[in-house]
């Protein structure tokens, strides 16, 4: 099993040497570094580290804030390492995933990551609902226009196969089925409206 280190400073005016020296005293065989803000997701040193480590390896940092600028960023990075089966050790906070206390903290971080994901989903759902209430379209634009949906329905009623429809419109089978279902739903809505006398 390999012990690797990760060091980060935010600007060129700061030095990595102190972190690297401490990481070497922790038995790090290789050290990956970045000179950029921890808020950025595209840190090449961290990307190389994640690609390099294997299950059972240990990543050592001087402090957790080296992994990210915000708590969310730190937790996201820890989750990435944990999912890869990599242990974490933070010198300043005394965190060591190889110990019972460290494993307990790993569970807490995993719970926080799950909680953050749920909050993001809730915020996204609330934003979509608010947009729909204002009459705005949310999500991906439809692959077929309303006119094309009507054409799909007409061709299907005329005996055209699903395979031929996918070739003709250059879309997937799922898109064709969704278009047909949408057309069926529109017909039901129109028939219901007519039965209720709506629009007369």
C-alpha atoms as a PDB file:
ATOM      1  CA  UNK A   1       0.000   0.000   0.000  1.00  0.00           C
ATOM      2  CA  UNK A   2       1.298   3.450  -0.934  1.00  0.00           C
ATOM      3  CA  UNK A   3       1.295   6.631   1.138  1.00  0.00           C
ATOM      4  CA  UNK A   4       1.015   9.761  -0.998  1.00  0.00           C
ATOM      5  CA  UNK A   5       0.705  13.398  -0.046  1.00  0.00           C
ATOM      6  CA  UNK A   6      -1.232  16.350  -1.358  1.00  0.00           C
ATOM      7  CA  UNK A   7      -0.168  19.951  -0.842  1.00  0.00           C
ATOM      8  CA  UNK A   8      -1.830  23.121  -2.079  1.00  0.00           C
ATOM      9  CA  UNK A   9      -1.272  26.860  -1.891  1.00  0.00           C
ATOM     10  CA  UNK A  10      -3.558  29.480  -3.383  1.00  0.00           C
ATOM     11  CA  UNK A  11      -1.016  31.815  -5.039  1.00  0.00           C
ATOM     12  CA  UNK A  12       2.518  31.888  -6.363  1.00  0.00           C
ATOM     13  CA  UNK A  13       3.464  34.141  -3.431  1.00  0.00           C
ATOM     14  CA  UNK A  14       2.983  31.204  -1.062  1.00  0.00           C
ATOM     15  CA  UNK A  15       5.427  28.340  -0.704  1.00  0.00           C
ATOM     16  CA  UNK A  16       4.733  24.620  -0.890  1.00  0.00           C
ATOM     17  CA  UNK A  17       8.011  23.671   0.782  1.00  0.00           C
ATOM     18  CA  UNK A  18       6.727  23.657   4.379  1.00  0.00           C
ATOM     19  CA  UNK A  19       3.824  21.360   3.509  1.00  0.00           C
ATOM     20  CA  UNK A  20       6.045  19.072   1.446  1.00  0.00           C
ATOM     21  CA  UNK A  21       8.591  18.777   4.268  1.00  0.00           C
ATOM     22  CA  UNK A  22       5.890  17.814   6.756  1.00  0.00           C
ATOM     23  CA  UNK A  23       4.342  15.320   4.353  1.00  0.00           C
ATOM     24  CA  UNK A  24       7.699  13.609   3.914  1.00  0.00           C
ATOM     25  CA  UNK A  25       7.955  13.142   7.672  1.00  0.00           C
ATOM     26  CA  UNK A  26       4.593  11.326   7.424  1.00  0.00           C
ATOM     27  CA  UNK A  27       6.108   8.724   5.100  1.00  0.00           C
ATOM     28  CA  UNK A  28       4.753  10.059   1.806  1.00  0.00           C
ATOM     29  CA  UNK A  29       6.470   8.355  -1.113  1.00  0.00           C
ATOM     30  CA  UNK A  30       5.094  10.828  -3.626  1.00  0.00           C
ATOM     31  CA  UNK A  31       3.556  14.281  -3.268  1.00  0.00           C
ATOM     32  CA  UNK A  32       1.078  15.914  -5.640  1.00  0.00           C
ATOM     33  CA  UNK A  33       0.757  19.686  -5.560  1.00  0.00           C
ATOM     34  CA  UNK A  34      -1.405  22.529  -6.811  1.00  0.00           C
ATOM     35  CA  UNK A  35      -0.917  26.295  -6.817  1.00  0.00           C
ATOM     36  CA  UNK A  36      -4.463  27.582  -7.175  1.00  0.00           C
ATOM     37  CA  UNK A  37      -7.608  28.277  -5.214  1.00  0.00           C
ATOM     38  CA  UNK A  38      -9.238  25.354  -3.480  1.00  0.00           C
ATOM     39  CA  UNK A  39     -12.567  26.557  -4.856  1.00  0.00           C
ATOM     40  CA  UNK A  40     -11.588  25.343  -8.326  1.00  0.00           C
ATOM     41  CA  UNK A  41     -12.651  21.852  -9.373  1.00  0.00           C
ATOM     42  CA  UNK A  42     -10.063  21.549 -12.161  1.00  0.00           C
ATOM     43  CA  UNK A  43      -6.951  21.194  -9.998  1.00  0.00           C
ATOM     44  CA  UNK A  44      -4.488  19.137 -12.055  1.00  0.00           C
ATOM     45  CA  UNK A  45      -2.471  17.947  -9.042  1.00  0.00           C
ATOM     46  CA  UNK A  46      -5.545  16.613  -7.301  1.00  0.00           C
ATOM     47  CA  UNK A  47      -6.767  15.009 -10.522  1.00  0.00           C
ATOM     48  CA  UNK A  48      -3.414  13.260 -10.945  1.00  0.00           C
ATOM     49  CA  UNK A  49      -3.529  12.074  -7.337  1.00  0.00           C
ATOM     50  CA  UNK A  50      -7.017  10.585  -7.741  1.00  0.00           C
ATOM     51  CA  UNK A  51      -5.882   8.816 -10.922  1.00  0.00           C
ATOM     52  CA  UNK A  52      -2.737   7.532  -9.200  1.00  0.00           C
ATOM     53  CA  UNK A  53      -4.058   6.092  -5.935  1.00  0.00           C
ATOM     54  CA  UNK A  54      -5.466   2.601  -5.603  1.00  0.00           C
ATOM     55  CA  UNK A  55      -7.719   0.927  -3.003  1.00  0.00           C
ATOM     56  CA  UNK A  56      -5.851   0.621   0.290  1.00  0.00           C
ATOM     57  CA  UNK A  57      -3.532   3.576  -0.377  1.00  0.00           C
ATOM     58  CA  UNK A  58      -3.393   6.491   2.055  1.00  0.00           C
ATOM     59  CA  UNK A  59      -3.526  10.178   1.162  1.00  0.00           C
ATOM     60  CA  UNK A  60      -1.977  12.567   3.670  1.00  0.00           C
ATOM     61  CA  UNK A  61      -2.646  16.300   3.893  1.00  0.00           C
ATOM     62  CA  UNK A  62      -1.326  18.891   6.313  1.00  0.00           C
ATOM     63  CA  UNK A  63      -4.896  20.097   6.953  1.00  0.00           C
ATOM     64  CA  UNK A  64      -8.343  19.396   5.535  1.00  0.00           C
ATOM     65  CA  UNK A  65      -8.579  22.882   4.033  1.00  0.00           C
ATOM     66  CA  UNK A  66      -5.898  21.839   1.544  1.00  0.00           C
ATOM     67  CA  UNK A  67      -8.549  19.605  -0.066  1.00  0.00           C
ATOM     68  CA  UNK A  68     -10.955  22.466  -0.739  1.00  0.00           C
ATOM     69  CA  UNK A  69     -11.807  26.023   0.097  1.00  0.00           C
ATOM     70  CA  UNK A  70     -15.325  25.329   1.370  1.00  0.00           C
ATOM     71  CA  UNK A  71     -16.745  22.586   3.559  1.00  0.00           C
ATOM     72  CA  UNK A  72     -18.717  21.332   0.568  1.00  0.00           C
ATOM     73  CA  UNK A  73     -15.546  21.147  -1.536  1.00  0.00           C
ATOM     74  CA  UNK A  74     -13.653  19.321   1.210  1.00  0.00           C
ATOM     75  CA  UNK A  75     -16.458  16.804   1.702  1.00  0.00           C
ATOM     76  CA  UNK A  76     -16.760  16.228  -2.058  1.00  0.00           C
ATOM     77  CA  UNK A  77     -13.028  15.484  -2.329  1.00  0.00           C
ATOM     78  CA  UNK A  78     -13.111  13.197   0.705  1.00  0.00           C
ATOM     79  CA  UNK A  79     -16.062  11.349  -0.815  1.00  0.00           C
ATOM     80  CA  UNK A  80     -14.148  10.851  -4.070  1.00  0.00           C
ATOM     81  CA  UNK A  81     -11.218   9.337  -2.172  1.00  0.00           C
ATOM     82  CA  UNK A  82     -13.460   7.178  -0.004  1.00  0.00           C
ATOM     83  CA  UNK A  83     -15.334   5.797  -3.014  1.00  0.00           C
ATOM     84  CA  UNK A  84     -11.951   4.837  -4.489  1.00  0.00           C
ATOM     85  CA  UNK A  85     -11.166   2.845  -1.333  1.00  0.00           C
ATOM     86  CA  UNK A  86      -8.451   5.298  -0.296  1.00  0.00           C
ATOM     87  CA  UNK A  87      -7.696   6.128   3.344  1.00  0.00           C
ATOM     88  CA  UNK A  88      -7.221   9.718   4.461  1.00  0.00           C
ATOM     89  CA  UNK A  89      -4.936  11.216   7.066  1.00  0.00           C
ATOM     90  CA  UNK A  90      -4.958  14.897   8.057  1.00  0.00           C
ATOM     91  CA  UNK A  91      -2.108  15.951  10.315  1.00  0.00           C
ATOM     92  CA  UNK A  92      -3.533  19.138  11.829  1.00  0.00           C
ATOM     93  CA  UNK A  93      -6.940  17.692  12.683  1.00  0.00           C
ATOM     94  CA  UNK A  94      -5.527  14.330  13.748  1.00  0.00           C
ATOM     95  CA  UNK A  95      -7.818  12.443  11.380  1.00  0.00           C
ATOM     96  CA  UNK A  96      -6.729   8.951  10.377  1.00  0.00           C
ATOM     97  CA  UNK A  97      -9.192   6.710   8.543  1.00  0.00           C
ATOM     98  CA  UNK A  98      -7.232   3.622   9.588  1.00  0.00           C
ATOM     99  CA  UNK A  99      -8.314   4.141  13.226  1.00  0.00           C
ATOM    100  CA  UNK A 100     -11.769   3.553  14.775  1.00  0.00           C
ATOM    101  CA  UNK A 101     -12.198   7.300  15.353  1.00  0.00           C
ATOM    102  CA  UNK A 102     -11.157   8.008  11.785  1.00  0.00           C
ATOM    103  CA  UNK A 103     -13.672   5.490  10.447  1.00  0.00           C
ATOM    104  CA  UNK A 104     -16.366   7.161  12.522  1.00  0.00           C
ATOM    105  CA  UNK A 105     -15.436  10.531  11.006  1.00  0.00           C
ATOM    106  CA  UNK A 106     -15.510   8.931   7.559  1.00  0.00           C
ATOM    107  CA  UNK A 107     -19.127   7.946   8.212  1.00  0.00           C
ATOM    108  CA  UNK A 108     -19.944  11.491   9.327  1.00  0.00           C
ATOM    109  CA  UNK A 109     -18.389  12.968   6.190  1.00  0.00           C
ATOM    110  CA  UNK A 110     -20.331  10.478   4.036  1.00  0.00           C
ATOM    111  CA  UNK A 111     -23.577  11.500   5.773  1.00  0.00           C
ATOM    112  CA  UNK A 112     -22.777  15.173   5.200  1.00  0.00           C
ATOM    113  CA  UNK A 113     -22.099  14.488   1.515  1.00  0.00           C
ATOM    114  CA  UNK A 114     -25.457  12.721   1.173  1.00  0.00           C
ATOM    115  CA  UNK A 115     -27.197  15.575   2.994  1.00  0.00           C
ATOM    116  CA  UNK A 116     -25.596  18.119   0.656  1.00  0.00           C
ATOM    117  CA  UNK A 117     -26.754  16.142  -2.393  1.00  0.00           C
ATOM    118  CA  UNK A 118     -30.312  16.034  -1.070  1.00  0.00           C
ATOM    119  CA  UNK A 119     -30.260  19.787  -0.478  1.00  0.00           C
ATOM    120  CA  UNK A 120     -29.025  20.360  -4.026  1.00  0.00           C
ATOM    121  CA  UNK A 121     -31.806  18.158  -5.432  1.00  0.00           C
ATOM    122  CA  UNK A 122     -34.408  19.988  -3.346  1.00  0.00           C
ATOM    123  CA  UNK A 123     -33.125  23.381  -4.478  1.00  0.00           C
ATOM    124  CA  UNK A 124     -33.120  22.250  -8.113  1.00  0.00           C
ATOM    125  CA  UNK A 125     -36.669  20.868  -7.795  1.00  0.00           C
ATOM    126  CA  UNK A 126     -37.857  24.115  -6.202  1.00  0.00           C
ATOM    127  CA  UNK A 127     -36.229  26.137  -8.999  1.00  0.00           C
ATOM    128  CA  UNK A 128     -37.896  23.979 -11.668  1.00  0.00           C
ATOM    129  CA  UNK A 129     -41.273  24.307  -9.955  1.00  0.00           C
ATOM    130  CA  UNK A 130     -40.888  28.088  -9.750  1.00  0.00           C
ATOM    131  CA  UNK A 131     -39.908  28.240 -13.420  1.00  0.00           C
ATOM    132  CA  UNK A 132     -42.909  26.120 -14.442  1.00  0.00           C
ATOM    133  CA  UNK A 133     -45.194  28.382 -12.405  1.00  0.00           C
ATOM    134  CA  UNK A 134     -43.896  31.310 -14.450  1.00  0.00           C
ATOM    135  CA  UNK A 135     -44.479  29.426 -17.697  1.00  0.00           C
ATOM    136  CA  UNK A 136     -40.800  28.793 -18.423  1.00  0.00           C
ATOM    137  CA  UNK A 137     -39.486  25.564 -19.887  1.00  0.00           C
ATOM    138  CA  UNK A 138     -36.958  23.752 -17.695  1.00  0.00           C
ATOM    139  CA  UNK A 139     -34.606  20.910 -18.456  1.00  0.00           C
ATOM    140  CA  UNK A 140     -33.379  19.811 -21.852  1.00  0.00           C
ATOM    141  CA  UNK A 141     -35.195  21.114 -24.911  1.00  0.00           C
ATOM    142  CA  UNK A 142     -37.377  18.466 -26.604  1.00  0.00           C
ATOM    143  CA  UNK A 143     -35.710  16.563 -29.418  1.00  0.00           C
ATOM    144  CA  UNK A 144     -38.846  16.796 -31.552  1.00  0.00           C
ATOM    145  CA  UNK A 145     -41.041  19.815 -32.228  1.00  0.00           C
ATOM    146  CA  UNK A 146     -44.805  19.650 -31.849  1.00  0.00           C
ATOM    147  CA  UNK A 147     -45.134  19.404 -35.638  1.00  0.00           C
ATOM    148  CA  UNK A 148     -42.691  16.492 -35.692  1.00  0.00           C
ATOM    149  CA  UNK A 149     -44.592  14.776 -32.883  1.00  0.00           C
ATOM    150  CA  UNK A 150     -47.750  14.979 -34.993  1.00  0.00           C
ATOM    151  CA  UNK A 151     -45.838  13.598 -37.981  1.00  0.00           C
ATOM    152  CA  UNK A 152     -44.544  10.707 -35.873  1.00  0.00           C
ATOM    153  CA  UNK A 153     -48.067   9.885 -34.739  1.00  0.00           C
ATOM    154  CA  UNK A 154     -49.434  10.051 -38.281  1.00  0.00           C
ATOM    155  CA  UNK A 155     -46.671   7.862 -39.695  1.00  0.00           C
ATOM    156  CA  UNK A 156     -47.067   5.369 -36.856  1.00  0.00           C
ATOM    157  CA  UNK A 157     -50.821   5.197 -37.459  1.00  0.00           C
ATOM    158  CA  UNK A 158     -49.991   4.583 -41.127  1.00  0.00           C
ATOM    159  CA  UNK A 159     -47.972   1.494 -40.226  1.00  0.00           C
ATOM    160  CA  UNK A 160     -44.451   2.943 -40.013  1.00  0.00           C
ATOM    161  CA  UNK A 161     -42.221   0.891 -37.704  1.00  0.00           C
ATOM    162  CA  UNK A 162     -40.443   2.350 -34.681  1.00  0.00           C
ATOM    163  CA  UNK A 163     -37.097   1.534 -36.281  1.00  0.00           C
ATOM    164  CA  UNK A 164     -38.002   3.422 -39.449  1.00  0.00           C
ATOM    165  CA  UNK A 165     -39.186   6.388 -37.389  1.00  0.00           C
ATOM    166  CA  UNK A 166     -35.911   6.564 -35.482  1.00  0.00           C
ATOM    167  CA  UNK A 167     -34.015   6.600 -38.778  1.00  0.00           C
ATOM    168  CA  UNK A 168     -36.283   9.183 -40.361  1.00  0.00           C
ATOM    169  CA  UNK A 169     -36.092  11.649 -37.478  1.00  0.00           C
ATOM    170  CA  UNK A 170     -32.574  10.823 -36.308  1.00  0.00           C
ATOM    171  CA  UNK A 171     -33.577  10.177 -32.694  1.00  0.00           C
ATOM    172  CA  UNK A 172     -33.569   7.263 -30.269  1.00  0.00           C
ATOM    173  CA  UNK A 173     -36.361   4.733 -29.812  1.00  0.00           C
ATOM    174  CA  UNK A 174     -37.033   6.241 -26.360  1.00  0.00           C
ATOM    175  CA  UNK A 175     -37.618   9.641 -27.971  1.00  0.00           C
ATOM    176  CA  UNK A 176     -40.091   8.141 -30.453  1.00  0.00           C
ATOM    177  CA  UNK A 177     -41.986   6.358 -27.666  1.00  0.00           C
ATOM    178  CA  UNK A 178     -42.092   9.577 -25.636  1.00  0.00           C
ATOM    179  CA  UNK A 179     -43.423  11.429 -28.674  1.00  0.00           C
ATOM    180  CA  UNK A 180     -46.149   8.830 -29.200  1.00  0.00           C
ATOM    181  CA  UNK A 181     -47.103   8.940 -25.516  1.00  0.00           C
ATOM    182  CA  UNK A 182     -47.184  12.723 -25.667  1.00  0.00           C
ATOM    183  CA  UNK A 183     -49.418  12.605 -28.711  1.00  0.00           C
ATOM    184  CA  UNK A 184     -51.748  10.136 -26.949  1.00  0.00           C
ATOM    185  CA  UNK A 185     -51.874  12.424 -23.913  1.00  0.00           C
ATOM    186  CA  UNK A 186     -52.730  15.442 -26.062  1.00  0.00           C
ATOM    187  CA  UNK A 187     -55.566  13.520 -27.708  1.00  0.00           C
ATOM    188  CA  UNK A 188     -56.953  12.473 -24.321  1.00  0.00           C
ATOM    189  CA  UNK A 189     -56.777  16.061 -23.098  1.00  0.00           C
ATOM    190  CA  UNK A 190     -58.632  17.326 -26.188  1.00  0.00           C
ATOM    191  CA  UNK A 191     -61.311  14.630 -25.886  1.00  0.00           C
ATOM    192  CA  UNK A 192     -61.750  15.411 -22.178  1.00  0.00           C
ATOM    193  CA  UNK A 193     -62.028  19.116 -22.887  1.00  0.00           C
ATOM    194  CA  UNK A 194     -64.628  18.467 -25.592  1.00  0.00           C
ATOM    195  CA  UNK A 195     -66.651  16.246 -23.261  1.00  0.00           C
ATOM    196  CA  UNK A 196     -66.654  18.960 -20.603  1.00  0.00           C
ATOM    197  CA  UNK A 197     -67.556  21.654 -23.103  1.00  0.00           C
ATOM    198  CA  UNK A 198     -64.304  23.509 -22.553  1.00  0.00           C
ATOM    199  CA  UNK A 199     -63.373  25.935 -25.309  1.00  0.00           C
ATOM    200  CA  UNK A 200     -66.880  26.093 -26.827  1.00  0.00           C
END
